[in-house]
């Protein structure tokens, strides 16, 4: 029997943030980059409403926010008009802001890895479940709306 550990996306975010910090304090000769504080602030200002607003819409319609749970409603309004995964996008923006704050080029390699992992471990399985539950309605939504941005 194969045992699969369920790791929730916020835990992945914390793990990647910790890895970014760890990479940034390694005692190796790594050049630092200028810290674009305006961009960091912008990413945080975009990330928080995406995360909170998208989660709030799920609560509003009474569907689960649990990525392993069964959805009872398909949310296609608010930020879901522009991206099928605004919560994951918000996490990505927050992680990117954090890696920019650390000003270490090696840490900047982690956000693309985060995208790959979240897509493989969470988004694709969720898409299969949503397709099974909502059928053509979900297929139409996928045709209109991008996975990330």
N, C-alpha and C. Protein backbone atom coordinates (compact mmCIF):
# COMPACT_ATOMS: atom_id res chain seq x y z
N UNK A 1 0.84 -1.17 0.00
CA UNK A 1 0.00 0.00 0.00
C UNK A 1 0.90 1.24 0.00
N UNK A 2 0.62 2.16 -0.93
CA UNK A 2 1.39 3.40 -1.04
C UNK A 2 0.81 4.44 -0.09
N UNK A 3 1.66 4.97 0.77
CA UNK A 3 1.22 6.00 1.71
C UNK A 3 1.61 7.35 1.12
N UNK A 4 0.61 8.22 0.96
CA UNK A 4 0.88 9.54 0.43
C UNK A 4 0.58 10.57 1.51
N UNK A 5 1.55 11.42 1.77
CA UNK A 5 1.39 12.46 2.77
C UNK A 5 0.67 13.64 2.12
N UNK A 6 -0.38 14.10 2.78
CA UNK A 6 -1.11 15.26 2.30
C UNK A 6 -0.50 16.51 2.90
N UNK A 7 0.08 17.30 2.04
CA UNK A 7 0.65 18.55 2.51
C UNK A 7 -0.15 19.69 1.87
N UNK A 8 -0.71 20.54 2.70
CA UNK A 8 -1.56 21.61 2.23
C UNK A 8 -0.74 22.75 1.65
N UNK A 9 -1.30 23.47 0.68
CA UNK A 9 -0.55 24.55 0.01
C UNK A 9 0.08 25.58 0.95
N UNK A 10 -0.60 26.04 2.01
CA UNK A 10 0.09 26.99 2.89
C UNK A 10 1.36 26.41 3.53
N UNK A 11 1.37 25.10 3.75
CA UNK A 11 2.58 24.48 4.29
C UNK A 11 3.68 24.46 3.25
N UNK A 12 3.30 24.22 1.98
CA UNK A 12 4.30 24.30 0.90
C UNK A 12 4.87 25.71 0.84
N UNK A 13 4.00 26.70 0.97
CA UNK A 13 4.45 28.09 0.94
C UNK A 13 5.46 28.35 2.06
N UNK A 14 5.14 27.91 3.25
CA UNK A 14 6.06 28.09 4.38
C UNK A 14 7.38 27.34 4.16
N UNK A 15 7.30 26.15 3.62
CA UNK A 15 8.51 25.38 3.33
C UNK A 15 9.39 26.12 2.32
N UNK A 16 8.77 26.61 1.25
CA UNK A 16 9.54 27.33 0.24
C UNK A 16 10.10 28.63 0.79
N UNK A 17 9.33 29.32 1.62
CA UNK A 17 9.83 30.55 2.25
C UNK A 17 11.03 30.24 3.14
N UNK A 18 10.94 29.14 3.88
CA UNK A 18 12.07 28.71 4.71
C UNK A 18 13.28 28.32 3.89
N UNK A 19 13.04 27.63 2.79
CA UNK A 19 14.15 27.28 1.89
C UNK A 19 14.81 28.53 1.32
N UNK A 20 14.00 29.50 0.95
CA UNK A 20 14.54 30.75 0.41
C UNK A 20 15.41 31.44 1.45
N UNK A 21 14.93 31.45 2.68
CA UNK A 21 15.73 32.05 3.73
C UNK A 21 17.03 31.27 3.93
N UNK A 22 16.92 29.96 3.96
CA UNK A 22 18.10 29.12 4.14
C UNK A 22 19.13 29.34 3.04
N UNK A 23 18.67 29.43 1.82
CA UNK A 23 19.57 29.68 0.70
C UNK A 23 20.23 31.05 0.85
N UNK A 24 19.47 32.01 1.34
CA UNK A 24 19.99 33.38 1.41
C UNK A 24 21.04 33.56 2.51
N UNK A 25 21.07 32.66 3.48
CA UNK A 25 22.07 32.80 4.56
C UNK A 25 23.20 31.78 4.45
N UNK A 26 23.19 31.01 3.38
CA UNK A 26 24.30 30.06 3.18
C UNK A 26 25.62 30.82 3.07
N UNK A 27 26.65 30.30 3.71
CA UNK A 27 27.95 31.00 3.65
C UNK A 27 28.71 30.70 2.36
N UNK A 28 28.09 31.06 1.24
CA UNK A 28 28.75 30.89 -0.05
C UNK A 28 28.83 32.26 -0.71
N UNK A 29 29.75 32.40 -1.61
CA UNK A 29 29.94 33.68 -2.29
C UNK A 29 28.84 33.86 -3.34
N UNK A 30 27.70 34.39 -2.91
CA UNK A 30 26.59 34.64 -3.81
C UNK A 30 26.39 36.15 -3.88
N UNK A 31 26.34 36.68 -5.07
CA UNK A 31 26.10 38.12 -5.16
C UNK A 31 24.69 38.45 -4.68
N UNK A 32 24.53 39.62 -4.16
CA UNK A 32 23.18 40.05 -3.79
C UNK A 32 22.64 40.94 -4.91
N UNK A 33 21.35 41.08 -4.93
CA UNK A 33 20.71 41.94 -5.91
C UNK A 33 20.14 43.14 -5.17
N UNK A 34 19.89 44.19 -5.90
CA UNK A 34 19.22 45.34 -5.28
C UNK A 34 17.82 44.92 -4.87
N UNK A 35 17.39 45.43 -3.75
CA UNK A 35 16.06 45.09 -3.23
C UNK A 35 15.05 46.10 -3.78
N UNK A 36 14.21 45.68 -4.73
CA UNK A 36 13.22 46.60 -5.31
C UNK A 36 12.02 46.75 -4.37
N UNK A 37 12.12 47.64 -3.41
CA UNK A 37 11.10 47.74 -2.36
C UNK A 37 9.72 48.09 -2.92
N UNK A 38 9.66 48.89 -3.97
CA UNK A 38 8.36 49.24 -4.56
C UNK A 38 7.69 48.00 -5.14
N UNK A 39 8.48 47.12 -5.77
CA UNK A 39 7.93 45.90 -6.36
C UNK A 39 7.50 44.92 -5.26
N UNK A 40 8.29 44.83 -4.22
CA UNK A 40 7.93 43.96 -3.09
C UNK A 40 6.61 44.41 -2.49
N UNK A 41 6.47 45.72 -2.27
CA UNK A 41 5.22 46.26 -1.71
C UNK A 41 4.04 45.98 -2.64
N UNK A 42 4.24 46.18 -3.93
CA UNK A 42 3.17 45.91 -4.90
C UNK A 42 2.74 44.45 -4.87
N UNK A 43 3.70 43.54 -4.83
CA UNK A 43 3.38 42.10 -4.80
C UNK A 43 2.59 41.75 -3.55
N UNK A 44 2.96 42.31 -2.41
CA UNK A 44 2.24 42.04 -1.16
C UNK A 44 0.83 42.62 -1.23
N UNK A 45 0.72 43.84 -1.77
CA UNK A 45 -0.59 44.48 -1.89
C UNK A 45 -1.50 43.68 -2.83
N UNK A 46 -0.95 43.04 -3.82
CA UNK A 46 -1.74 42.19 -4.72
C UNK A 46 -2.04 40.82 -4.10
N UNK A 47 -1.08 40.27 -3.39
CA UNK A 47 -1.20 38.91 -2.85
C UNK A 47 -2.29 38.79 -1.79
N UNK A 48 -2.30 39.70 -0.85
CA UNK A 48 -3.24 39.57 0.27
C UNK A 48 -4.71 39.63 -0.16
N UNK A 49 -5.12 40.61 -0.97
CA UNK A 49 -6.53 40.59 -1.39
C UNK A 49 -6.89 39.37 -2.25
N UNK A 50 -5.93 38.91 -3.06
CA UNK A 50 -6.20 37.70 -3.86
C UNK A 50 -6.49 36.52 -2.94
N UNK A 51 -5.60 36.30 -1.98
CA UNK A 51 -5.77 35.17 -1.06
C UNK A 51 -7.05 35.29 -0.25
N UNK A 52 -7.22 36.42 0.39
CA UNK A 52 -8.37 36.59 1.29
C UNK A 52 -9.68 36.70 0.52
N UNK A 53 -9.66 37.44 -0.59
CA UNK A 53 -10.89 37.58 -1.38
C UNK A 53 -11.35 36.27 -1.99
N UNK A 54 -10.41 35.50 -2.52
CA UNK A 54 -10.77 34.21 -3.12
C UNK A 54 -11.30 33.24 -2.06
N UNK A 55 -10.64 33.19 -0.92
CA UNK A 55 -11.11 32.32 0.17
C UNK A 55 -12.49 32.77 0.65
N UNK A 56 -12.69 34.08 0.71
CA UNK A 56 -13.99 34.62 1.13
C UNK A 56 -15.11 34.23 0.19
N UNK A 57 -14.82 34.21 -1.11
CA UNK A 57 -15.84 33.79 -2.08
C UNK A 57 -16.22 32.33 -1.87
N UNK A 58 -15.24 31.49 -1.57
CA UNK A 58 -15.55 30.08 -1.29
C UNK A 58 -16.49 29.97 -0.09
N UNK A 59 -16.20 30.72 0.94
CA UNK A 59 -17.06 30.69 2.14
C UNK A 59 -18.46 31.21 1.81
N UNK A 60 -18.50 32.28 1.00
CA UNK A 60 -19.78 32.88 0.62
C UNK A 60 -20.71 31.88 -0.06
N UNK A 61 -20.17 31.08 -0.95
CA UNK A 61 -21.02 30.13 -1.68
C UNK A 61 -21.13 28.79 -0.96
N UNK A 62 -20.40 28.63 0.14
CA UNK A 62 -20.53 27.43 0.95
C UNK A 62 -19.78 26.22 0.42
N UNK A 63 -18.71 26.45 -0.32
CA UNK A 63 -17.90 25.32 -0.81
C UNK A 63 -16.61 25.24 -0.02
N UNK A 64 -15.95 24.12 -0.11
CA UNK A 64 -14.76 23.89 0.70
C UNK A 64 -13.53 24.60 0.13
N UNK A 65 -12.69 25.05 1.04
CA UNK A 65 -11.41 25.63 0.67
C UNK A 65 -10.32 24.54 0.70
N UNK A 66 -10.67 23.38 1.21
CA UNK A 66 -9.75 22.25 1.34
C UNK A 66 -9.42 21.71 -0.06
N UNK A 67 -8.14 21.77 -0.47
CA UNK A 67 -7.80 21.30 -1.81
C UNK A 67 -7.99 19.80 -2.01
N UNK A 68 -8.18 19.06 -0.92
CA UNK A 68 -8.42 17.61 -1.03
C UNK A 68 -9.90 17.28 -0.89
N UNK A 69 -10.73 18.29 -0.64
CA UNK A 69 -12.15 18.08 -0.42
C UNK A 69 -12.95 18.11 -1.71
N UNK A 70 -14.22 17.81 -1.59
CA UNK A 70 -15.14 17.82 -2.73
C UNK A 70 -15.85 19.17 -2.79
N UNK A 71 -15.73 19.84 -3.90
CA UNK A 71 -16.36 21.14 -4.09
C UNK A 71 -17.86 20.97 -4.32
N UNK A 72 -18.61 21.92 -3.76
CA UNK A 72 -20.06 21.88 -3.95
C UNK A 72 -20.55 23.01 -4.86
N UNK A 73 -19.64 23.93 -5.21
CA UNK A 73 -20.00 25.03 -6.10
C UNK A 73 -18.78 25.42 -6.92
N UNK A 74 -19.02 25.88 -8.13
CA UNK A 74 -17.96 26.36 -9.00
C UNK A 74 -17.96 27.88 -8.93
N UNK A 75 -16.88 28.45 -8.41
CA UNK A 75 -16.78 29.90 -8.27
C UNK A 75 -16.07 30.45 -9.50
N UNK A 76 -16.76 31.37 -10.20
CA UNK A 76 -16.19 31.93 -11.43
C UNK A 76 -16.24 33.46 -11.43
N UNK A 77 -16.53 34.06 -10.30
CA UNK A 77 -16.61 35.53 -10.24
C UNK A 77 -15.44 36.08 -9.43
N UNK A 78 -15.40 37.38 -9.31
CA UNK A 78 -14.29 38.01 -8.58
C UNK A 78 -12.97 37.70 -9.28
N UNK A 79 -11.93 37.39 -8.53
CA UNK A 79 -10.64 37.11 -9.16
C UNK A 79 -10.66 35.84 -10.02
N UNK A 80 -11.65 34.99 -9.80
CA UNK A 80 -11.77 33.76 -10.60
C UNK A 80 -12.16 34.05 -12.05
N UNK A 81 -12.51 35.30 -12.36
CA UNK A 81 -12.75 35.69 -13.76
C UNK A 81 -11.44 35.76 -14.54
N UNK A 82 -10.32 36.00 -13.82
CA UNK A 82 -9.03 36.22 -14.46
C UNK A 82 -8.06 35.06 -14.31
N UNK A 83 -8.22 34.30 -13.25
CA UNK A 83 -7.35 33.15 -12.98
C UNK A 83 -8.16 32.07 -12.28
N UNK A 84 -7.92 30.82 -12.66
CA UNK A 84 -8.64 29.72 -12.00
C UNK A 84 -8.08 29.44 -10.61
N UNK A 85 -6.94 30.02 -10.29
CA UNK A 85 -6.28 29.71 -9.03
C UNK A 85 -5.77 30.96 -8.31
N UNK A 86 -6.67 31.88 -7.94
CA UNK A 86 -6.19 33.11 -7.31
C UNK A 86 -5.51 32.89 -5.95
N UNK A 87 -5.93 31.87 -5.22
CA UNK A 87 -5.26 31.62 -3.93
C UNK A 87 -3.81 31.18 -4.15
N UNK A 88 -3.60 30.28 -5.10
CA UNK A 88 -2.24 29.85 -5.41
C UNK A 88 -1.43 31.00 -5.99
N UNK A 89 -2.07 31.82 -6.82
CA UNK A 89 -1.38 32.98 -7.38
C UNK A 89 -0.99 33.96 -6.27
N UNK A 90 -1.87 34.15 -5.31
CA UNK A 90 -1.55 35.00 -4.16
C UNK A 90 -0.36 34.46 -3.38
N UNK A 91 -0.33 33.15 -3.20
CA UNK A 91 0.82 32.54 -2.52
C UNK A 91 2.10 32.75 -3.31
N UNK A 92 2.01 32.60 -4.62
CA UNK A 92 3.18 32.81 -5.48
C UNK A 92 3.68 34.25 -5.39
N UNK A 93 2.75 35.20 -5.41
CA UNK A 93 3.15 36.61 -5.30
C UNK A 93 3.82 36.88 -3.96
N UNK A 94 3.27 36.32 -2.89
CA UNK A 94 3.87 36.50 -1.56
C UNK A 94 5.27 35.88 -1.51
N UNK A 95 5.41 34.68 -2.05
CA UNK A 95 6.72 34.02 -2.07
C UNK A 95 7.72 34.82 -2.90
N UNK A 96 7.27 35.33 -4.02
CA UNK A 96 8.15 36.13 -4.87
C UNK A 96 8.58 37.40 -4.14
N UNK A 97 7.65 38.04 -3.45
CA UNK A 97 7.99 39.23 -2.66
C UNK A 97 9.05 38.88 -1.61
N UNK A 98 8.87 37.75 -0.94
CA UNK A 98 9.82 37.31 0.08
C UNK A 98 11.20 37.06 -0.52
N UNK A 99 11.25 36.39 -1.65
CA UNK A 99 12.55 36.09 -2.26
C UNK A 99 13.23 37.38 -2.73
N UNK A 100 12.45 38.34 -3.21
CA UNK A 100 13.03 39.64 -3.58
C UNK A 100 13.55 40.37 -2.36
N UNK A 101 12.82 40.28 -1.26
CA UNK A 101 13.25 40.92 -0.01
C UNK A 101 14.58 40.33 0.46
N UNK A 102 14.77 39.05 0.27
CA UNK A 102 16.02 38.41 0.69
C UNK A 102 17.20 38.84 -0.17
N UNK A 103 16.93 39.35 -1.35
CA UNK A 103 17.94 39.92 -2.25
C UNK A 103 19.05 38.92 -2.61
N UNK A 104 18.67 37.65 -2.75
CA UNK A 104 19.63 36.62 -3.11
C UNK A 104 19.16 35.97 -4.41
N UNK A 105 19.99 35.99 -5.45
CA UNK A 105 19.55 35.43 -6.73
C UNK A 105 19.20 33.95 -6.66
N UNK A 106 19.85 33.19 -5.78
CA UNK A 106 19.51 31.77 -5.66
C UNK A 106 18.09 31.57 -5.13
N UNK A 107 17.66 32.43 -4.23
CA UNK A 107 16.30 32.34 -3.69
C UNK A 107 15.26 32.59 -4.78
N UNK A 108 15.62 33.38 -5.79
CA UNK A 108 14.68 33.68 -6.87
C UNK A 108 14.38 32.47 -7.75
N UNK A 109 15.15 31.41 -7.58
CA UNK A 109 14.88 30.17 -8.32
C UNK A 109 13.69 29.41 -7.74
N UNK A 110 13.31 29.73 -6.51
CA UNK A 110 12.27 28.95 -5.84
C UNK A 110 10.84 29.24 -6.30
N UNK A 111 10.45 30.48 -6.62
CA UNK A 111 9.06 30.67 -7.09
C UNK A 111 8.69 29.84 -8.32
N UNK A 112 9.55 29.73 -9.35
CA UNK A 112 9.16 28.84 -10.46
C UNK A 112 9.02 27.38 -10.02
N UNK A 113 9.84 26.94 -9.10
CA UNK A 113 9.73 25.58 -8.58
C UNK A 113 8.42 25.41 -7.81
N UNK A 114 8.02 26.44 -7.08
CA UNK A 114 6.74 26.44 -6.36
C UNK A 114 5.58 26.28 -7.35
N UNK A 115 5.63 27.01 -8.46
CA UNK A 115 4.59 26.91 -9.49
C UNK A 115 4.50 25.47 -10.01
N UNK A 116 5.64 24.91 -10.33
CA UNK A 116 5.66 23.53 -10.85
C UNK A 116 5.06 22.56 -9.82
N UNK A 117 5.49 22.67 -8.57
CA UNK A 117 5.03 21.74 -7.54
C UNK A 117 3.54 21.89 -7.26
N UNK A 118 3.07 23.11 -7.10
CA UNK A 118 1.65 23.33 -6.83
C UNK A 118 0.79 22.86 -8.01
N UNK A 119 1.27 23.10 -9.21
CA UNK A 119 0.53 22.64 -10.40
C UNK A 119 0.44 21.12 -10.41
N UNK A 120 1.55 20.47 -10.17
CA UNK A 120 1.58 19.00 -10.23
C UNK A 120 0.83 18.35 -9.07
N UNK A 121 1.03 18.84 -7.87
CA UNK A 121 0.48 18.17 -6.68
C UNK A 121 -0.93 18.61 -6.32
N UNK A 122 -1.33 19.81 -6.73
CA UNK A 122 -2.63 20.31 -6.30
C UNK A 122 -3.55 20.70 -7.46
N UNK A 123 -3.05 21.56 -8.35
CA UNK A 123 -3.94 22.09 -9.39
C UNK A 123 -4.44 21.00 -10.33
N UNK A 124 -3.56 20.18 -10.86
CA UNK A 124 -4.03 19.14 -11.81
C UNK A 124 -5.00 18.16 -11.15
N UNK A 125 -4.72 17.65 -9.95
CA UNK A 125 -5.73 16.79 -9.32
C UNK A 125 -7.06 17.51 -9.05
N UNK A 126 -6.98 18.80 -8.65
CA UNK A 126 -8.20 19.56 -8.43
C UNK A 126 -8.97 19.71 -9.73
N UNK A 127 -8.26 19.97 -10.83
CA UNK A 127 -8.93 20.11 -12.12
C UNK A 127 -9.65 18.83 -12.52
N UNK A 128 -9.03 17.70 -12.28
CA UNK A 128 -9.70 16.43 -12.61
C UNK A 128 -10.97 16.25 -11.78
N UNK A 129 -10.89 16.59 -10.48
CA UNK A 129 -12.08 16.48 -9.62
C UNK A 129 -13.18 17.45 -10.08
N UNK A 130 -12.81 18.68 -10.37
CA UNK A 130 -13.79 19.67 -10.79
C UNK A 130 -14.43 19.28 -12.12
N UNK A 131 -13.65 18.72 -13.02
CA UNK A 131 -14.19 18.25 -14.31
C UNK A 131 -15.22 17.14 -14.07
N UNK A 132 -14.88 16.23 -13.17
CA UNK A 132 -15.80 15.13 -12.85
C UNK A 132 -17.09 15.67 -12.21
N UNK A 133 -16.98 16.64 -11.32
CA UNK A 133 -18.14 17.16 -10.60
C UNK A 133 -19.00 18.08 -11.46
N UNK A 134 -18.36 19.01 -12.19
CA UNK A 134 -19.11 20.06 -12.89
C UNK A 134 -19.18 19.90 -14.40
N UNK A 135 -18.46 18.93 -14.95
CA UNK A 135 -18.57 18.61 -16.37
C UNK A 135 -18.35 19.77 -17.32
N UNK A 136 -19.31 19.97 -18.21
CA UNK A 136 -19.18 20.96 -19.28
C UNK A 136 -19.06 22.37 -18.74
N UNK A 137 -19.70 22.65 -17.62
CA UNK A 137 -19.60 23.99 -17.01
C UNK A 137 -18.14 24.30 -16.66
N UNK A 138 -17.45 23.32 -16.10
CA UNK A 138 -16.05 23.52 -15.76
C UNK A 138 -15.18 23.57 -17.01
N UNK A 139 -15.46 22.74 -17.99
CA UNK A 139 -14.70 22.75 -19.24
C UNK A 139 -14.82 24.12 -19.93
N UNK A 140 -16.01 24.69 -19.94
CA UNK A 140 -16.21 26.03 -20.52
C UNK A 140 -15.42 27.07 -19.75
N UNK A 141 -15.46 26.97 -18.44
CA UNK A 141 -14.71 27.90 -17.58
C UNK A 141 -13.22 27.81 -17.88
N UNK A 142 -12.70 26.60 -18.05
CA UNK A 142 -11.28 26.41 -18.37
C UNK A 142 -10.92 27.04 -19.71
N UNK A 143 -11.84 26.99 -20.66
CA UNK A 143 -11.59 27.60 -21.97
C UNK A 143 -11.53 29.12 -21.88
N UNK A 144 -12.28 29.70 -20.95
CA UNK A 144 -12.34 31.16 -20.80
C UNK A 144 -11.27 31.73 -19.89
N UNK A 145 -10.75 30.91 -18.97
CA UNK A 145 -9.93 31.44 -17.89
C UNK A 145 -8.63 30.66 -17.78
N UNK A 146 -7.54 31.37 -17.66
CA UNK A 146 -6.22 30.74 -17.56
C UNK A 146 -6.01 30.08 -16.20
N UNK A 147 -5.13 29.10 -16.19
CA UNK A 147 -4.82 28.37 -14.96
C UNK A 147 -4.14 29.30 -13.93
N UNK A 148 -3.13 30.02 -14.35
CA UNK A 148 -2.40 30.91 -13.44
C UNK A 148 -2.75 32.37 -13.73
N UNK A 149 -2.23 32.91 -14.82
CA UNK A 149 -2.57 34.30 -15.21
C UNK A 149 -2.61 34.41 -16.72
